[in-house]
Amino acid sequence: MLKEDITLDGMTVGDAVSILEKNGYSRQQAIEIIRSRYEIRRKWDLSTILTHVSSGVLLLSLFTSGDLDNVLKLMFGGVFVTFLLGYNLLYVVYGREMKNLDGLEKMGLSLGVSFSLVVLLGFILDFTVGITSTSILVTLIIAGEVIWFVKTYVVVED
């Protein structure tokens, strides 16, 4: 579909569309060519939103107390600790290879990695500052946000 003598590597999408239009492609054809060659990554997917909302709820639960806070902490904290930490860490480690797994495999691996990471963080806390509810929450929030940051901005996919 693309002429062999046109290279688009290292260009922005706008520049690539302009070059393709100058070489006789319509704007729609140029966009389709670029879309087929490159994977456009969305920065705000469901795991990102859940990670930030869960971190925010856990952080707010440090400063407030009440029945609603406990329910929210259980709901969002449970998903955060049992699933999201491992899911984001799997994307950091495996990247694009995660697309080869189906939903059940991703969920099972995410649960196992999350539990392992939480245990590892618990051991680190026990030997450093001690285990308190505050130290656990702060450590999990920091770990979750750091893993999300690495997944989103540092890991370069092929």
Protein backbone atom coordinates (compact mmCIF):
# COMPACT_ATOMS: atom_id res chain seq x y z
CA MET A 1 0.00 0.00 0.00
CA LEU A 2 2.97 2.33 0.66
CA LYS A 3 5.46 3.15 -2.06
CA GLU A 4 8.85 1.67 -1.26
CA ASP A 5 10.84 4.90 -1.62
CA ILE A 6 8.92 6.73 1.15
CA THR A 7 10.28 6.38 4.69
CA LEU A 8 8.29 7.65 7.65
CA ASP A 9 10.58 6.59 10.48
CA GLY A 10 11.29 9.19 13.15
CA MET A 11 8.56 11.61 12.01
CA THR A 12 5.59 12.96 13.85
CA VAL A 13 2.20 11.84 12.64
CA GLY A 14 1.49 15.27 11.16
CA ASP A 15 4.74 15.29 9.21
CA ALA A 16 4.13 11.77 7.93
CA VAL A 17 0.62 12.70 6.75
CA SER A 18 2.00 15.76 4.96
CA ILE A 19 4.69 13.71 3.19
CA LEU A 20 2.17 11.07 2.11
CA GLU A 21 -0.21 13.75 0.82
CA LYS A 22 2.63 15.26 -1.24
CA ASN A 23 3.24 11.82 -2.75
CA GLY A 24 -0.29 11.47 -4.08
CA TYR A 25 -2.21 9.89 -1.19
CA SER A 26 -5.43 11.40 0.09
CA ARG A 27 -5.54 12.52 3.70
CA GLN A 28 -7.70 9.52 4.66
CA GLN A 29 -5.34 7.08 2.91
CA ALA A 30 -2.36 8.66 4.66
CA ILE A 31 -4.00 8.30 8.04
CA GLU A 32 -4.89 4.67 7.32
CA ILE A 33 -1.30 3.93 6.27
CA ILE A 34 0.06 5.46 9.46
CA ARG A 35 -2.53 3.69 11.60
CA SER A 36 -1.63 0.35 10.03
CA ARG A 37 2.12 0.88 10.54
CA TYR A 38 2.09 2.19 14.07
CA GLU A 39 0.30 1.28 17.20
CA ILE A 40 -1.14 4.37 18.83
CA ARG A 41 -0.89 4.00 22.58
CA ARG A 42 -3.49 5.57 24.75
CA LYS A 43 -2.04 6.93 27.97
CA TRP A 44 -5.36 6.82 29.81
CA ASP A 45 -6.63 3.26 29.74
CA LEU A 46 -8.77 1.55 32.38
CA SER A 47 -5.81 0.33 34.43
CA THR A 48 -4.44 3.88 34.57
CA ILE A 49 -7.71 5.33 35.78
CA LEU A 50 -8.20 2.58 38.37
CA THR A 51 -4.61 2.93 39.57
CA HIS A 52 -4.95 6.66 40.16
CA VAL A 53 -8.43 6.47 41.69
CA SER A 54 -7.37 3.64 43.99
CA SER A 55 -4.22 5.50 45.02
CA GLY A 56 -6.27 8.61 45.72
CA VAL A 57 -8.84 6.73 47.80
CA LEU A 58 -6.10 4.98 49.79
CA LEU A 59 -4.29 8.28 50.32
CA LEU A 60 -7.45 10.02 51.48
CA SER A 61 -8.22 7.15 53.84
CA LEU A 62 -5.06 8.05 55.76
CA PHE A 63 -6.59 11.39 56.77
CA THR A 64 -10.25 10.47 57.26
CA SER A 65 -12.18 7.78 59.06
CA GLY A 66 -15.74 6.60 58.75
CA ASP A 67 -17.91 3.84 57.42
CA LEU A 68 -17.93 5.15 53.84
CA ASP A 69 -14.15 5.51 53.90
CA ASN A 70 -13.73 1.93 55.06
CA VAL A 71 -16.03 0.63 52.32
CA LEU A 72 -14.21 2.63 49.64
CA LYS A 73 -10.84 1.55 51.02
CA LEU A 74 -11.91 -2.10 50.88
CA MET A 75 -13.29 -1.82 47.35
CA PHE A 76 -10.53 0.19 45.70
CA GLY A 77 -7.71 -1.03 47.93
CA GLY A 78 -8.68 -4.65 47.33
CA VAL A 79 -8.59 -4.24 43.55
CA PHE A 80 -5.38 -2.21 43.80
CA VAL A 81 -3.54 -4.73 45.98
CA THR A 82 -4.81 -7.95 44.43
CA PHE A 83 -4.84 -7.02 40.76
CA LEU A 84 -3.57 -3.62 39.59
CA LEU A 85 -0.06 -3.81 41.04
CA GLY A 86 0.60 -7.10 39.28
CA TYR A 87 -1.13 -6.09 36.06
CA ASN A 88 0.96 -2.95 35.68
CA LEU A 89 4.15 -4.79 36.67
CA LEU A 90 3.48 -7.49 34.07
CA TYR A 91 3.22 -4.79 31.41
CA VAL A 92 6.53 -3.35 32.60
CA VAL A 93 8.25 -6.73 32.36
CA TYR A 94 6.60 -8.22 29.27
CA GLY A 95 5.23 -5.21 27.35
CA ARG A 96 3.82 -6.16 24.00
CA GLU A 97 3.95 -9.89 24.73
CA MET A 98 0.99 -9.40 27.09
CA LYS A 99 -1.23 -9.10 24.00
CA ASN A 100 -0.63 -12.78 23.29
CA LEU A 101 -2.36 -13.73 26.56
CA ASP A 102 -6.10 -13.97 26.95
CA GLY A 103 -8.01 -12.26 29.76
CA LEU A 104 -8.00 -15.20 32.15
CA GLU A 105 -4.24 -15.70 31.82
CA LYS A 106 -3.63 -12.00 32.41
CA MET A 107 -5.86 -12.06 35.48
CA GLY A 108 -4.18 -15.14 36.95
CA LEU A 109 -0.68 -13.80 36.37
CA SER A 110 -1.67 -10.39 37.72
CA LEU A 111 -3.04 -11.92 40.93
CA GLY A 112 0.09 -14.00 41.47
CA VAL A 113 2.47 -11.13 40.76
CA SER A 114 0.44 -8.76 42.97
CA PHE A 115 0.51 -11.13 45.92
CA SER A 116 4.22 -11.72 45.47
CA LEU A 117 4.93 -8.00 45.27
CA VAL A 118 2.86 -7.24 48.37
CA VAL A 119 4.69 -9.95 50.33
CA LEU A 120 8.06 -8.62 49.15
CA LEU A 121 7.09 -5.07 50.13
CA GLY A 122 5.92 -6.40 53.51
CA PHE A 123 9.31 -8.03 54.13
CA ILE A 124 11.10 -4.83 53.16
CA LEU A 125 8.88 -2.80 55.49
CA ASP A 126 9.35 -5.25 58.35
CA PHE A 127 13.13 -4.96 58.19
CA THR A 128 13.25 -1.19 57.69
CA VAL A 129 10.58 1.06 59.25
CA GLY A 130 8.21 -1.53 60.66
CA ILE A 131 4.74 -2.54 59.63
CA THR A 132 1.96 -0.09 60.46
CA SER A 133 -1.21 0.68 58.55
CA THR A 134 0.26 4.01 57.47
CA SER A 135 3.55 2.54 56.27
CA ILE A 136 1.73 -0.19 54.35
CA LEU A 137 -0.60 2.25 52.60
CA VAL A 138 2.15 4.73 51.75
CA THR A 139 4.41 1.97 50.42
CA LEU A 140 1.66 0.45 48.28
CA ILE A 141 0.67 3.85 46.88
CA ILE A 142 4.27 4.73 46.03
CA ALA A 143 4.94 1.30 44.51
CA GLY A 144 1.73 1.43 42.45
CA GLU A 145 2.39 4.91 41.11
CA VAL A 146 6.05 4.17 40.32
CA ILE A 147 5.11 0.97 38.48
CA TRP A 148 2.40 2.83 36.57
CA PHE A 149 4.86 5.60 35.64
CA VAL A 150 7.41 3.08 34.36
CA LYS A 151 4.70 1.23 32.43
CA THR A 152 3.39 4.39 30.81
CA TYR A 153 6.43 6.56 30.18
CA VAL A 154 9.62 4.51 30.45
CA VAL A 155 8.90 1.16 28.81
CA VAL A 156 9.47 1.48 25.08
CA GLU A 157 7.43 -0.96 23.07
CA ASP A 158 8.74 -2.32 19.78
